[in-house]
Amino acid sequence: MNKKLLRSVREYKKQSVLAPILVILEVLMEVLIPLEMAKIIDVGIANGDMSYIIQRGVILVAMAMLSLFFGVQAGNMAAVAAAGYAKNLRHDIFYKVQDFSFKNIDHFSTSGLVTRLTTDITNVQQAYMMSIRLLARAPFMIILSWIMTLTINKPIAVLFLIVVPVLGGTLIFIAKKAHPHFIKVFDEYDNLNNSVQENVNASRVVKAFVREDYEIEKFHGISRYVYNLFTKAEKIVAWNSPVMMFVMYTVIIIIVAIGGRGIVLGGMETGELTSIIVYALQILMSLNMVTFVFVMIMIAEASTDRIVEVLDEVPEMQDKADAVKNVADGSIDFNHVDFSYAGEGGNLSLKDVNLHIKSGQTVGIIGGTGSAKSTLVQLIPRLYDVTKGNVQVGGVDVRNYNLEVLRDQVSMVLQKNVLFSGSIYDNIRWGDEHASEEEVRRVCKLAQADGFVSEFPDGYDTMIVQGGNNVSGGQKQRIAIVRSLMMDPEVMLFDEPTSRLDALNEAIILRSIHELSKSEQNADKGQDVAVVLVSHRESAMRVADAVLNL
């Protein structure tokens, strides 16, 4: 198990240690039980001593009850430890992703991150539970059962010294042959999940173009490939059972032959032969357990590598020790800014941009599709870092700010508006979680949202489904604008805020945004709020004090 991942065990170390200890106690009881059975047969039954049989029978039942108790407790501890470990892993990955910049997130597909948080962590969880239970149980069972066999019959004990390595090596060889196929399977899971996610998210487009058959065929193609990979792997692993059974019955036949000869010649008792057969079964079944865990660990190994990829990803943007924690004002300065999504040496989306916006100014940025309008505004809250030059807010390079402080003071309506599952109130209060109902309604009226929200049967308590698919594009856009306005920031960025609105609503909202930036709620700051308005429509530039054409 990867050491980096084992750090996520944390508060479940106690259960992780107790589980194998309890398993060892369970094994001790199970190993002593055949010895007591042999005594009952060879002494009690052979001599017809009923009191001895009862005495040993009580001890046998007590051992069985202790074994059951230790086994149940070990199972509980292992389940708690594995489930807690998986919970912590999910927590660590999710929190790590929250620290990613857009550039970091671009390294992973959405479906790939979802697979890591679900399927991959489930594989690691199962492997961990198997490891702390079966990997503790199997070696002790093999060693103690072999020692017991050695005390009863040395030739049979020697037989195990030959059989165990041969069988163990064969089973491990089978598992290793299947391993590459399992690795491929989990890589394909990303493609499978991506296909499903893409189809569901774009279901309206699929239906509009009547492409259901094409999407079904595409899904079946990936699903068939996953099926074929799993089938190949399982066909190889399927050899485990017949090989195991063949060796098991062969060993039992040899034991019966050796033991039968010993009974006839008087060197072994019937009970001893019975106990040796039980020990043989315990040894061989333990070997099978080891192989099963080995297969699980190899499957989890592929998942572990994928999880570590996320945990090892270094967030591109990290706060400095002396990060600035106060935004003085809303002034924005672009000083000889170059930007490339590919980084240093890549094709430049922005080249030598010089732009200066004062607090209280409303600046419009207009340009055609692909002119990097959105890219420009995304540099202000440091969603991406510049390739060359610097961007300043309040006279300070954005790279010197504490990220949370900077983004708290720069509200943004993205070009693609996203709403989250929850009520309309919940979505609006992303801008200010402590906002009163009156404040929410006031800002909604400014953004022309109060009218349609009030028409819903549940009003502001109306639940938004995932992605906001139960409201129209224009309604979603207005809720996103309200959410942004609720932040009371120094800088307001609007990327195509009225692209889905009619001319009348566009004019009203733009005027409201312009007035709000200079409203009384900003008086306590000592200056007005800077507004950057991005649009490809000239009509949206009417409220701008200055316009930059990209």
Protein backbone atom coordinates (compact mmCIF):
# COMPACT_ATOMS: atom_id res chain seq x y z
CA MET A 1 0.00 0.00 0.00
CA ASN A 2 1.38 3.39 -0.98
CA LYS A 3 2.94 5.27 1.97
CA LYS A 4 1.50 8.60 0.81
CA LEU A 5 -2.02 7.17 0.88
CA LEU A 6 -1.50 5.51 4.27
CA ARG A 7 -1.21 8.99 5.79
CA SER A 8 -4.97 9.23 5.26
CA VAL A 9 -5.59 6.48 7.85
CA ARG A 10 -5.11 9.14 10.58
CA GLU A 11 -7.69 8.71 13.39
CA TYR A 12 -8.39 5.11 12.33
CA LYS A 13 -4.90 3.83 13.25
CA LYS A 14 -6.28 2.24 16.43
CA GLN A 15 -8.80 0.11 14.51
CA SER A 16 -6.16 -0.68 11.88
CA VAL A 17 -3.84 -2.09 14.57
CA LEU A 18 -6.54 -3.86 16.62
CA ALA A 19 -8.00 -5.69 13.59
CA PRO A 20 -4.88 -7.82 12.87
CA ILE A 21 -4.30 -8.43 16.62
CA LEU A 22 -7.85 -9.77 16.96
CA VAL A 23 -7.36 -11.84 13.81
CA ILE A 24 -4.23 -13.43 15.32
CA LEU A 25 -6.22 -14.34 18.46
CA GLU A 26 -8.94 -15.82 16.23
CA VAL A 27 -6.30 -17.89 14.40
CA LEU A 28 -4.87 -19.16 17.70
CA MET A 29 -8.29 -20.49 18.69
CA GLU A 30 -8.86 -22.06 15.27
CA VAL A 31 -5.47 -23.79 15.36
CA LEU A 32 -6.09 -25.25 18.84
CA ILE A 33 -9.55 -26.59 17.96
CA PRO A 34 -8.31 -29.52 15.76
CA LEU A 35 -5.91 -30.50 18.59
CA GLU A 36 -8.82 -30.75 21.02
CA MET A 37 -10.82 -32.73 18.46
CA ALA A 38 -7.92 -35.19 18.15
CA LYS A 39 -7.83 -35.65 21.95
CA ILE A 40 -11.59 -36.31 22.06
CA ILE A 41 -11.26 -38.99 19.34
CA ASP A 42 -8.00 -40.61 20.50
CA VAL A 43 -8.59 -40.50 24.26
CA GLY A 44 -12.25 -39.94 25.04
CA ILE A 45 -13.92 -42.01 22.30
CA ALA A 46 -11.14 -44.65 22.17
CA ASN A 47 -11.39 -45.28 25.94
CA GLY A 48 -15.14 -44.69 26.20
CA ASP A 49 -14.49 -41.94 28.79
CA MET A 50 -17.64 -39.82 28.68
CA SER A 51 -16.51 -37.36 31.36
CA TYR A 52 -13.30 -36.69 29.40
CA ILE A 53 -15.36 -36.16 26.22
CA ILE A 54 -17.65 -33.66 28.02
CA GLN A 55 -14.68 -31.88 29.63
CA ARG A 56 -12.88 -31.50 26.29
CA GLY A 57 -16.15 -30.70 24.55
CA VAL A 58 -16.74 -27.73 26.87
CA ILE A 59 -13.20 -26.47 26.15
CA LEU A 60 -13.85 -26.97 22.41
CA VAL A 61 -17.08 -24.95 22.55
CA ALA A 62 -15.33 -22.21 24.56
CA MET A 63 -12.58 -22.00 21.93
CA ALA A 64 -15.15 -21.87 19.15
CA MET A 65 -17.01 -19.05 20.94
CA LEU A 66 -13.78 -17.12 21.50
CA SER A 67 -12.84 -17.61 17.87
CA LEU A 68 -16.26 -16.30 16.83
CA PHE A 69 -15.94 -13.31 19.17
CA PHE A 70 -12.45 -12.39 17.97
CA GLY A 71 -13.51 -12.90 14.34
CA VAL A 72 -16.57 -10.64 14.64
CA GLN A 73 -14.59 -7.94 16.47
CA ALA A 74 -11.80 -8.13 13.90
CA GLY A 75 -14.35 -7.79 11.10
CA ASN A 76 -15.91 -4.74 12.78
CA MET A 77 -12.53 -3.08 13.35
CA ALA A 78 -11.41 -3.76 9.77
CA ALA A 79 -14.68 -2.42 8.35
CA VAL A 80 -14.46 0.77 10.43
CA ALA A 81 -10.78 1.27 9.57
CA ALA A 82 -11.28 0.70 5.83
CA ALA A 83 -14.41 2.85 5.60
CA GLY A 84 -12.72 5.62 7.60
CA TYR A 85 -9.61 5.38 5.44
CA ALA A 86 -11.75 5.72 2.30
CA LYS A 87 -13.62 8.68 3.84
CA ASN A 88 -10.33 10.46 4.59
CA LEU A 89 -9.02 9.72 1.09
CA ARG A 90 -12.13 11.24 -0.48
CA HIS A 91 -11.74 14.23 1.83
CA ASP A 92 -8.06 14.67 0.91
CA ILE A 93 -8.66 14.41 -2.84
CA PHE A 94 -11.66 16.73 -2.79
CA TYR A 95 -9.83 19.34 -0.71
CA LYS A 96 -6.79 19.03 -2.96
CA VAL A 97 -8.96 19.71 -6.01
CA GLN A 98 -10.34 22.84 -4.29
CA ASP A 99 -6.79 24.23 -4.25
CA PHE A 100 -6.27 23.58 -7.97
CA SER A 101 -6.10 26.43 -10.41
CA PHE A 102 -7.91 26.16 -13.73
CA LYS A 103 -4.61 25.02 -15.23
CA ASN A 104 -4.30 22.19 -12.68
CA ILE A 105 -7.87 21.09 -13.32
CA ASP A 106 -7.16 21.03 -17.06
CA HIS A 107 -4.70 18.18 -16.38
CA PHE A 108 -7.58 15.88 -15.39
CA SER A 109 -10.91 15.23 -17.02
CA THR A 110 -14.03 15.69 -14.87
CA SER A 111 -14.95 12.04 -15.35
CA GLY A 112 -11.39 11.05 -14.38
CA LEU A 113 -11.65 12.91 -11.07
CA VAL A 114 -15.09 11.39 -10.39
CA THR A 115 -13.74 7.88 -11.08
CA ARG A 116 -10.86 8.48 -8.68
CA LEU A 117 -13.27 9.64 -5.96
CA THR A 118 -15.56 6.63 -6.44
CA THR A 119 -14.33 3.45 -8.15
CA ASP A 120 -10.62 3.90 -7.39
CA ILE A 121 -11.15 4.70 -3.72
CA THR A 122 -13.55 1.74 -3.39
CA ASN A 123 -10.80 -0.54 -4.78
CA VAL A 124 -8.27 0.87 -2.31
CA GLN A 125 -10.78 0.51 0.55
CA GLN A 126 -11.43 -3.16 -0.22
CA ALA A 127 -7.72 -3.91 -0.59
CA TYR A 128 -6.97 -2.19 2.72
CA MET A 129 -9.68 -4.14 4.56
CA MET A 130 -8.45 -7.41 3.05
CA SER A 131 -4.88 -6.54 3.95
CA ILE A 132 -5.42 -5.82 7.64
CA ARG A 133 -7.59 -8.93 8.02
CA LEU A 134 -6.49 -11.65 5.62
CA LEU A 135 -2.81 -10.73 5.31
CA ALA A 136 -2.58 -10.98 9.09
CA ARG A 137 -4.65 -14.15 9.20
CA ALA A 138 -3.14 -16.19 6.38
CA PRO A 139 0.59 -16.12 7.34
CA PHE A 140 -0.13 -16.89 11.01
CA MET A 141 -2.55 -19.64 10.05
CA ILE A 142 0.02 -21.23 7.72
CA ILE A 143 2.87 -21.01 10.25
CA LEU A 144 0.90 -22.21 13.30
CA SER A 145 -0.87 -25.00 11.39
CA TRP A 146 2.48 -26.17 10.04
CA ILE A 147 4.02 -26.15 13.55
CA MET A 148 1.08 -28.23 14.82
CA THR A 149 1.52 -30.65 11.91
CA LEU A 150 5.24 -30.89 12.66
CA THR A 151 4.52 -31.94 16.26
CA ILE A 152 2.24 -34.73 15.00
CA ASN A 153 3.98 -36.04 11.85
CA LYS A 154 7.28 -34.78 10.40
CA PRO A 155 6.99 -36.35 6.88
CA ILE A 156 3.66 -34.60 6.28
CA ALA A 157 5.12 -31.33 7.60
CA VAL A 158 7.98 -31.68 5.08
CA LEU A 159 5.37 -32.27 2.34
CA PHE A 160 3.90 -28.84 3.12
CA LEU A 161 7.34 -27.24 2.79
CA ILE A 162 7.32 -28.42 -0.83
CA VAL A 163 3.67 -27.81 -1.68
CA VAL A 164 3.24 -24.31 -0.17
CA PRO A 165 5.99 -22.54 -2.20
CA VAL A 166 4.98 -24.31 -5.44
CA LEU A 167 1.28 -23.55 -5.03
CA GLY A 168 1.91 -20.01 -3.78
CA GLY A 169 4.23 -19.27 -6.70
CA THR A 170 1.70 -20.64 -9.20
CA LEU A 171 -1.16 -18.58 -7.80
CA ILE A 172 0.94 -15.40 -7.73
CA PHE A 173 2.01 -16.05 -11.35
CA ILE A 174 -1.68 -16.28 -12.34
CA ALA A 175 -2.44 -13.02 -10.52
CA LYS A 176 0.45 -11.20 -12.21
CA LYS A 177 -0.74 -12.32 -15.64
CA ALA A 178 -4.15 -10.75 -14.93
CA HIS A 179 -2.74 -7.50 -13.52
CA PRO A 180 -2.13 -5.61 -16.83
CA HIS A 181 -5.72 -6.22 -17.91
CA PHE A 182 -7.06 -4.73 -14.66
CA ILE A 183 -4.89 -1.62 -15.17
CA LYS A 184 -6.38 -1.10 -18.64
CA VAL A 185 -9.90 -1.54 -17.26
CA PHE A 186 -9.62 1.40 -14.86
CA ASP A 187 -8.20 3.65 -17.54
CA GLU A 188 -11.23 2.82 -19.68
CA TYR A 189 -13.59 3.59 -16.79
CA ASP A 190 -12.69 7.27 -17.30
CA ASN A 191 -13.81 7.05 -20.94
CA LEU A 192 -16.98 5.21 -19.96
CA ASN A 193 -17.90 7.78 -17.31
CA ASN A 194 -17.02 10.61 -19.67
CA SER A 195 -19.35 9.18 -22.32
CA VAL A 196 -22.24 8.95 -19.83
CA GLN A 197 -21.59 12.41 -18.37
CA GLU A 198 -21.31 14.02 -21.79
CA ASN A 199 -24.51 12.37 -22.97
CA VAL A 200 -26.52 13.39 -19.89
CA ASN A 201 -25.22 16.98 -19.84
CA ALA A 202 -25.86 17.41 -23.55
CA SER A 203 -29.13 15.46 -23.65
CA ARG A 204 -31.02 18.39 -25.19
CA VAL A 205 -28.52 18.62 -28.05
CA VAL A 206 -28.58 14.84 -28.57
CA LYS A 207 -32.35 14.83 -28.84
CA ALA A 208 -32.47 17.97 -30.98
CA PHE A 209 -30.17 16.37 -33.57
CA VAL A 210 -31.76 12.90 -33.14
CA ARG A 211 -28.37 11.37 -32.30
CA GLU A 212 -29.59 8.87 -29.70
CA ASP A 213 -28.57 5.87 -31.82
CA TYR A 214 -25.08 7.29 -32.34
CA GLU A 215 -24.63 7.93 -28.60
CA ILE A 216 -25.93 4.45 -27.74
CA GLU A 217 -23.50 2.86 -30.17
CA LYS A 218 -20.63 4.95 -28.80
CA PHE A 219 -21.50 3.89 -25.25
CA HIS A 220 -21.83 0.24 -26.24
CA GLY A 221 -18.42 0.39 -27.93
CA ILE A 222 -16.68 1.56 -24.75
CA SER A 223 -18.80 -0.77 -22.58
CA ARG A 224 -17.89 -3.76 -24.79
CA TYR A 225 -14.21 -2.90 -24.52
CA VAL A 226 -14.43 -2.76 -20.70
CA TYR A 227 -16.32 -6.08 -20.78
CA ASN A 228 -13.63 -7.70 -22.95
CA LEU A 229 -10.82 -6.49 -20.68
CA PHE A 230 -12.61 -7.75 -17.57
CA THR A 231 -13.36 -11.06 -19.27
CA LYS A 232 -9.70 -11.58 -20.18
CA ALA A 233 -8.62 -10.77 -16.63
CA GLU A 234 -11.27 -13.00 -15.03
CA LYS A 235 -10.46 -15.90 -17.36
CA ILE A 236 -6.89 -15.81 -16.10
CA VAL A 237 -7.90 -15.43 -12.44
CA ALA A 238 -10.43 -18.28 -12.91
CA TRP A 239 -7.47 -20.71 -12.96
CA ASN A 240 -6.98 -20.04 -9.23
CA SER A 241 -9.85 -22.22 -8.06
CA PRO A 242 -9.20 -25.38 -10.15
CA VAL A 243 -5.45 -25.24 -9.43
CA MET A 244 -6.24 -24.79 -5.74
CA MET A 245 -8.72 -27.68 -5.68
CA PHE A 246 -6.38 -29.98 -7.60
CA VAL A 247 -3.51 -29.35 -5.19
CA MET A 248 -5.80 -29.56 -2.16
CA TYR A 249 -7.22 -32.97 -3.02
CA THR A 250 -3.82 -34.28 -4.12
CA VAL A 251 -2.31 -33.25 -0.78
CA ILE A 252 -5.22 -34.80 1.16
CA ILE A 253 -4.79 -38.10 -0.72
CA ILE A 254 -1.05 -38.11 0.08
CA ILE A 255 -1.80 -37.25 3.73
CA VAL A 256 -4.38 -40.05 3.98
CA ALA A 257 -1.86 -42.46 2.43
CA ILE A 258 0.91 -41.45 4.85
CA GLY A 259 -1.45 -41.21 7.82
CA GLY A 260 -3.25 -44.47 7.01
CA ARG A 261 0.06 -46.28 6.91
CA GLY A 262 0.99 -44.67 10.24
CA ILE A 263 -2.31 -45.80 11.83
CA VAL A 264 -1.83 -49.36 10.55
CA LEU A 265 1.76 -49.49 11.84
CA GLY A 266 0.77 -47.85 15.14
CA GLY A 267 2.73 -44.62 14.65
CA MET A 268 -0.36 -42.36 14.43
CA GLU A 269 -3.78 -42.13 15.98
CA THR A 270 -7.04 -41.63 14.04
CA GLY A 271 -7.69 -38.29 15.75
CA GLU A 272 -4.22 -37.07 14.82
CA LEU A 273 -4.85 -37.88 11.16
CA THR A 274 -8.16 -36.00 11.34
CA SER A 275 -6.47 -32.94 12.84
CA ILE A 276 -3.68 -33.03 10.21
CA ILE A 277 -6.30 -33.04 7.43
CA VAL A 278 -7.92 -29.99 9.06
CA TYR A 279 -4.52 -28.27 9.31
CA ALA A 280 -3.88 -29.08 5.65
CA LEU A 281 -7.16 -27.46 4.67
CA GLN A 282 -6.33 -24.42 6.83
CA ILE A 283 -2.89 -24.04 5.21
CA LEU A 284 -4.17 -24.42 1.65
CA MET A 285 -7.17 -22.15 2.18
CA SER A 286 -4.90 -19.54 3.74
CA LEU A 287 -2.72 -19.72 0.64
CA ASN A 288 -5.80 -19.12 -1.47
CA MET A 289 -6.64 -16.11 0.73
CA VAL A 290 -3.15 -14.69 0.19
CA THR A 291 -3.59 -15.00 -3.57
CA PHE A 292 -7.02 -13.38 -3.44
CA VAL A 293 -5.62 -10.46 -1.44
CA PHE A 294 -2.68 -10.27 -3.84
CA VAL A 295 -5.10 -9.87 -6.76
CA MET A 296 -7.05 -7.21 -4.85
CA ILE A 297 -3.84 -5.34 -4.02
CA MET A 298 -2.76 -5.40 -7.67
CA ILE A 299 -6.16 -4.06 -8.76
CA ALA A 300 -5.89 -1.40 -6.05
CA GLU A 301 -2.32 -0.63 -7.19
CA ALA A 302 -3.65 0.70 -10.49
CA SER A 303 -6.20 2.78 -8.57
CA THR A 304 -3.53 3.92 -6.11
CA ASP A 305 -1.37 5.30 -8.93
CA ARG A 306 -4.34 7.29 -10.25
CA ILE A 307 -5.16 8.69 -6.80
CA VAL A 308 -1.53 9.64 -6.15
CA GLU A 309 -1.52 11.55 -9.46
CA VAL A 310 -4.09 13.92 -7.98
CA LEU A 311 -2.45 14.15 -4.54
CA ASP A 312 0.97 14.79 -6.11
CA GLU A 313 -0.33 17.52 -8.40
CA VAL A 314 1.22 20.75 -7.16
CA PRO A 315 -1.31 23.62 -7.07
CA GLU A 316 -0.04 26.24 -9.46
CA MET A 317 -1.27 29.05 -7.23
CA GLN A 318 -0.22 29.04 -3.59
CA ASP A 319 -0.39 31.83 -1.05
CA LYS A 320 2.90 33.36 -0.01
CA ALA A 321 3.81 33.49 3.67
CA ASP A 322 3.52 37.28 3.61
CA ALA A 323 0.44 37.38 1.34
CA VAL A 324 -1.45 40.68 1.30
CA LYS A 325 -4.79 40.38 3.10
CA ASN A 326 -6.43 43.67 2.26
CA VAL A 327 -7.59 45.03 -1.10
CA ALA A 328 -7.18 48.81 -0.94
CA ASP A 329 -9.50 49.71 -3.82
CA GLY A 330 -10.92 48.44 -7.10
CA SER A 331 -8.33 49.89 -9.47
CA ILE A 332 -7.09 47.40 -12.08
CA ASP A 333 -3.80 47.60 -14.01
CA PHE A 334 -2.52 45.33 -16.78
CA ASN A 335 1.19 46.02 -17.30
CA HIS A 336 2.68 44.51 -20.48
CA VAL A 337 0.72 41.30 -19.98
CA ASP A 338 1.32 38.22 -22.14
CA PHE A 339 -0.70 35.08 -21.60
CA SER A 340 -0.59 31.56 -23.06
CA TYR A 341 -2.63 28.58 -21.88
CA ALA A 342 0.35 26.39 -22.75
CA GLY A 343 2.67 28.44 -20.55
CA GLU A 344 6.08 29.81 -21.47
CA GLY A 345 6.79 29.34 -25.17
CA GLY A 346 3.18 28.57 -26.14
CA ASN A 347 0.96 30.48 -28.54
CA LEU A 348 -0.07 33.76 -26.94
CA SER A 349 -3.77 34.46 -26.39
CA LEU A 350 -2.91 37.93 -25.08
CA LYS A 351 0.17 39.92 -26.07
CA ASP A 352 1.59 43.06 -24.41
CA VAL A 353 -1.73 44.19 -22.93
CA ASN A 354 -1.66 47.53 -21.12
CA LEU A 355 -4.93 48.49 -19.48
CA HIS A 356 -5.65 50.80 -16.54
CA ILE A 357 -9.06 51.01 -14.85
CA LYS A 358 -9.80 53.32 -11.93
CA SER A 359 -12.21 52.64 -9.07
CA GLY A 360 -15.67 53.75 -10.08
CA GLN A 361 -15.05 53.29 -13.80
CA THR A 362 -17.20 51.03 -15.92
CA VAL A 363 -15.03 49.70 -18.73
CA GLY A 364 -16.43 47.70 -21.60
CA ILE A 365 -14.40 45.05 -23.45
CA ILE A 366 -15.75 44.18 -26.85
CA GLY A 367 -14.50 41.84 -29.53
CA GLY A 368 -15.35 38.93 -31.74
CA THR A 369 -15.45 35.25 -30.82
CA GLY A 370 -11.99 33.98 -29.87
CA SER A 371 -10.54 37.43 -29.22
CA ALA A 372 -9.59 36.40 -25.61
CA LYS A 373 -12.10 38.68 -23.87
CA SER A 374 -12.92 36.05 -21.24
CA THR A 375 -9.25 35.17 -20.85
CA LEU A 376 -8.45 38.79 -20.03
CA VAL A 377 -10.98 39.12 -17.20
CA GLN A 378 -10.07 35.71 -15.75
CA LEU A 379 -6.60 37.03 -15.02
CA ILE A 380 -8.01 39.67 -12.62
CA PRO A 381 -9.23 37.26 -9.88
CA ARG A 382 -6.19 35.09 -10.72
CA LEU A 383 -8.08 32.15 -12.17
CA TYR A 384 -4.99 31.88 -14.37
CA ASP A 385 -1.55 33.41 -13.89
CA VAL A 386 -0.02 35.70 -16.50
CA THR A 387 2.81 34.32 -18.62
CA LYS A 388 4.62 37.66 -18.65
CA GLY A 389 4.07 41.07 -17.07
CA ASN A 390 1.67 41.56 -14.17
CA VAL A 391 -1.94 42.28 -13.24
CA GLN A 392 -2.57 44.56 -10.27
CA VAL A 393 -5.71 45.14 -8.21
CA GLY A 394 -5.63 48.00 -5.74
CA GLY A 395 -2.02 48.69 -6.75
CA VAL A 396 -0.81 45.20 -5.71
CA ASP A 397 0.20 42.33 -8.01
CA VAL A 398 -2.58 39.74 -7.77
CA ARG A 399 0.08 37.04 -7.20
CA ASN A 400 0.96 38.71 -3.89
CA TYR A 401 -2.59 38.54 -2.48
CA ASN A 402 -4.07 35.86 -0.31
CA LEU A 403 -6.29 34.13 -2.90
CA GLU A 404 -9.38 34.03 -0.69
CA VAL A 405 -9.08 37.73 0.13
CA LEU A 406 -8.61 38.67 -3.52
CA ARG A 407 -11.55 36.63 -4.80
CA ASP A 408 -13.79 37.87 -2.00
CA GLN A 409 -13.31 41.36 -3.40
CA VAL A 410 -13.67 40.45 -7.09
CA SER A 411 -17.15 39.21 -7.98
CA MET A 412 -17.60 37.55 -11.34
CA VAL A 413 -20.40 36.42 -13.60
CA LEU A 414 -18.87 33.80 -15.85
CA GLN A 415 -19.77 33.35 -19.48
CA LYS A 416 -21.16 29.91 -18.68
CA ASN A 417 -23.46 30.35 -15.69
CA VAL A 418 -23.62 27.46 -13.23
CA LEU A 419 -26.26 26.98 -10.55
CA PHE A 420 -26.02 24.35 -7.83
CA SER A 421 -28.51 21.90 -6.37
CA GLY A 422 -30.51 23.69 -3.68
CA SER A 423 -33.03 26.49 -3.40
CA ILE A 424 -32.84 29.81 -5.25
CA TYR A 425 -32.07 31.41 -1.89
CA ASP A 426 -29.14 29.01 -1.40
CA ASN A 427 -27.73 29.87 -4.82
CA ILE A 428 -28.04 33.61 -4.31
CA ARG A 429 -26.47 33.42 -0.86
CA TRP A 430 -23.27 32.07 -2.37
CA GLY A 431 -22.53 35.79 -2.75
CA ASP A 432 -23.30 36.53 0.90
CA GLU A 433 -24.28 33.66 3.17
CA HIS A 434 -25.59 36.06 5.83
CA ALA A 435 -27.83 38.10 3.50
CA SER A 436 -31.35 38.72 4.77
CA GLU A 437 -34.44 37.93 2.72
CA GLU A 438 -35.07 41.64 2.24
CA GLU A 439 -31.56 42.20 0.89
CA VAL A 440 -31.89 39.24 -1.49
CA ARG A 441 -35.20 40.54 -2.81
CA ARG A 442 -33.83 44.08 -3.22
CA VAL A 443 -30.91 42.94 -5.36
CA CYS A 444 -33.17 40.55 -7.29
CA LYS A 445 -35.36 43.50 -8.27
CA LEU A 446 -32.29 45.36 -9.53
CA ALA A 447 -31.36 42.36 -11.69
CA GLN A 448 -34.92 41.86 -12.94
CA ALA A 449 -35.09 38.46 -11.23
CA ASP A 450 -37.72 39.06 -8.55
CA GLY A 451 -40.59 38.94 -11.06
CA PHE A 452 -40.02 35.43 -12.42
CA VAL A 453 -38.85 34.02 -9.04
CA SER A 454 -42.06 35.22 -7.35
CA GLU A 455 -44.09 33.43 -10.03
CA PHE A 456 -42.73 30.02 -8.97
CA PRO A 457 -45.11 28.18 -6.57
CA ASP A 458 -42.38 28.06 -3.90
CA GLY A 459 -40.89 31.45 -4.75
CA TYR A 460 -37.33 31.84 -3.47
CA ASP A 461 -37.53 28.36 -1.90
CA THR A 462 -37.90 26.77 -5.35
CA MET A 463 -35.36 23.96 -5.66
CA ILE A 464 -32.81 24.15 -8.48
CA VAL A 465 -31.91 20.78 -9.96
CA GLN A 466 -28.31 19.90 -10.83
CA GLY A 467 -26.93 22.35 -13.38
CA GLY A 468 -30.02 24.58 -13.13
CA ASN A 469 -31.82 22.68 -15.87
CA ASN A 470 -35.28 23.49 -14.48
CA VAL A 471 -34.91 27.22 -15.23
CA SER A 472 -34.39 28.94 -18.58
CA GLY A 473 -31.04 30.30 -19.76
CA GLY A 474 -32.14 33.90 -19.14
CA GLN A 475 -33.43 33.09 -15.65
CA LYS A 476 -30.21 31.26 -14.81
CA GLN A 477 -28.24 34.27 -16.04
CA ARG A 478 -30.18 36.71 -13.85
CA ILE A 479 -29.77 34.53 -10.74
CA ALA A 480 -26.02 34.40 -11.45
CA ILE A 481 -25.95 38.21 -11.71
CA VAL A 482 -27.79 38.56 -8.38
CA ARG A 483 -25.34 36.13 -6.76
CA SER A 484 -22.45 38.28 -7.97
CA LEU A 485 -24.02 41.56 -6.83
CA MET A 486 -24.57 40.15 -3.33
CA MET A 487 -20.81 40.00 -2.66
CA ASP A 488 -20.37 43.75 -2.11
CA PRO A 489 -16.91 43.67 -3.78
CA GLU A 490 -14.31 46.21 -4.91
CA VAL A 491 -14.37 44.89 -8.50
CA MET A 492 -17.28 43.46 -10.49
CA LEU A 493 -16.58 41.42 -13.63
CA PHE A 494 -19.37 40.57 -16.03
CA ASP A 495 -18.58 38.18 -18.88
CA GLU A 496 -21.47 38.32 -21.37
CA PRO A 497 -24.00 38.96 -18.55
CA THR A 498 -26.91 39.76 -20.88
CA SER A 499 -26.25 37.42 -23.80
CA ARG A 500 -29.50 35.54 -23.18
CA LEU A 501 -31.71 38.51 -22.42
CA ASP A 502 -33.95 40.58 -24.65
CA ALA A 503 -33.11 44.23 -25.40
CA LEU A 504 -35.43 45.66 -22.72
CA ASN A 505 -34.15 43.47 -19.87
CA GLU A 506 -30.57 43.99 -21.06
CA ALA A 507 -30.94 47.78 -20.83
CA ILE A 508 -32.55 47.61 -17.36
CA ILE A 509 -29.92 45.23 -15.94
CA LEU A 510 -26.98 47.14 -17.40
CA ARG A 511 -28.30 50.38 -15.93
CA SER A 512 -28.80 48.66 -12.57
CA ILE A 513 -25.25 47.31 -12.60
CA HIS A 514 -23.87 50.73 -13.45
CA GLU A 515 -25.91 52.43 -10.72
CA LEU A 516 -25.16 49.76 -8.14
CA SER A 517 -21.41 50.26 -8.62
CA LYS A 518 -21.93 53.84 -7.47
CA SER A 519 -24.69 53.21 -4.92
CA GLU A 520 -24.87 54.07 -1.26
CA GLN A 521 -23.84 50.57 -0.19
CA ASN A 522 -20.30 51.38 -1.40
CA ALA A 523 -20.08 54.74 0.38
CA ASP A 524 -18.39 53.24 3.43
CA LYS A 525 -15.49 52.11 1.24
CA GLY A 526 -14.60 55.66 0.33
CA GLN A 527 -14.72 54.99 -3.40
CA ASP A 528 -16.92 53.44 -6.04
CA VAL A 529 -16.57 49.94 -7.46
CA ALA A 530 -14.75 49.18 -10.72
CA VAL A 531 -16.88 47.34 -13.28
CA VAL A 532 -15.53 45.39 -16.24
CA LEU A 533 -18.21 44.47 -18.76
CA VAL A 534 -17.35 41.91 -21.47
CA SER A 535 -19.64 41.50 -24.45
CA HIS A 536 -19.65 40.96 -28.19
CA ARG A 537 -22.73 43.22 -28.46
CA GLU A 538 -22.24 46.94 -28.94
CA SER A 539 -25.56 47.64 -27.21
CA ALA A 540 -24.05 46.42 -23.95
CA MET A 541 -21.40 49.15 -24.11
CA ARG A 542 -23.87 52.02 -23.60
CA VAL A 543 -23.20 52.20 -19.86
CA ALA A 544 -19.39 51.99 -20.21
CA ASP A 545 -17.20 54.99 -19.44
CA ALA A 546 -14.56 53.59 -21.80
CA VAL A 547 -14.44 50.70 -24.27
CA LEU A 548 -11.51 48.42 -25.15
CA ASN A 549 -11.80 46.68 -28.51
CA LEU A 550 -9.87 43.38 -28.63
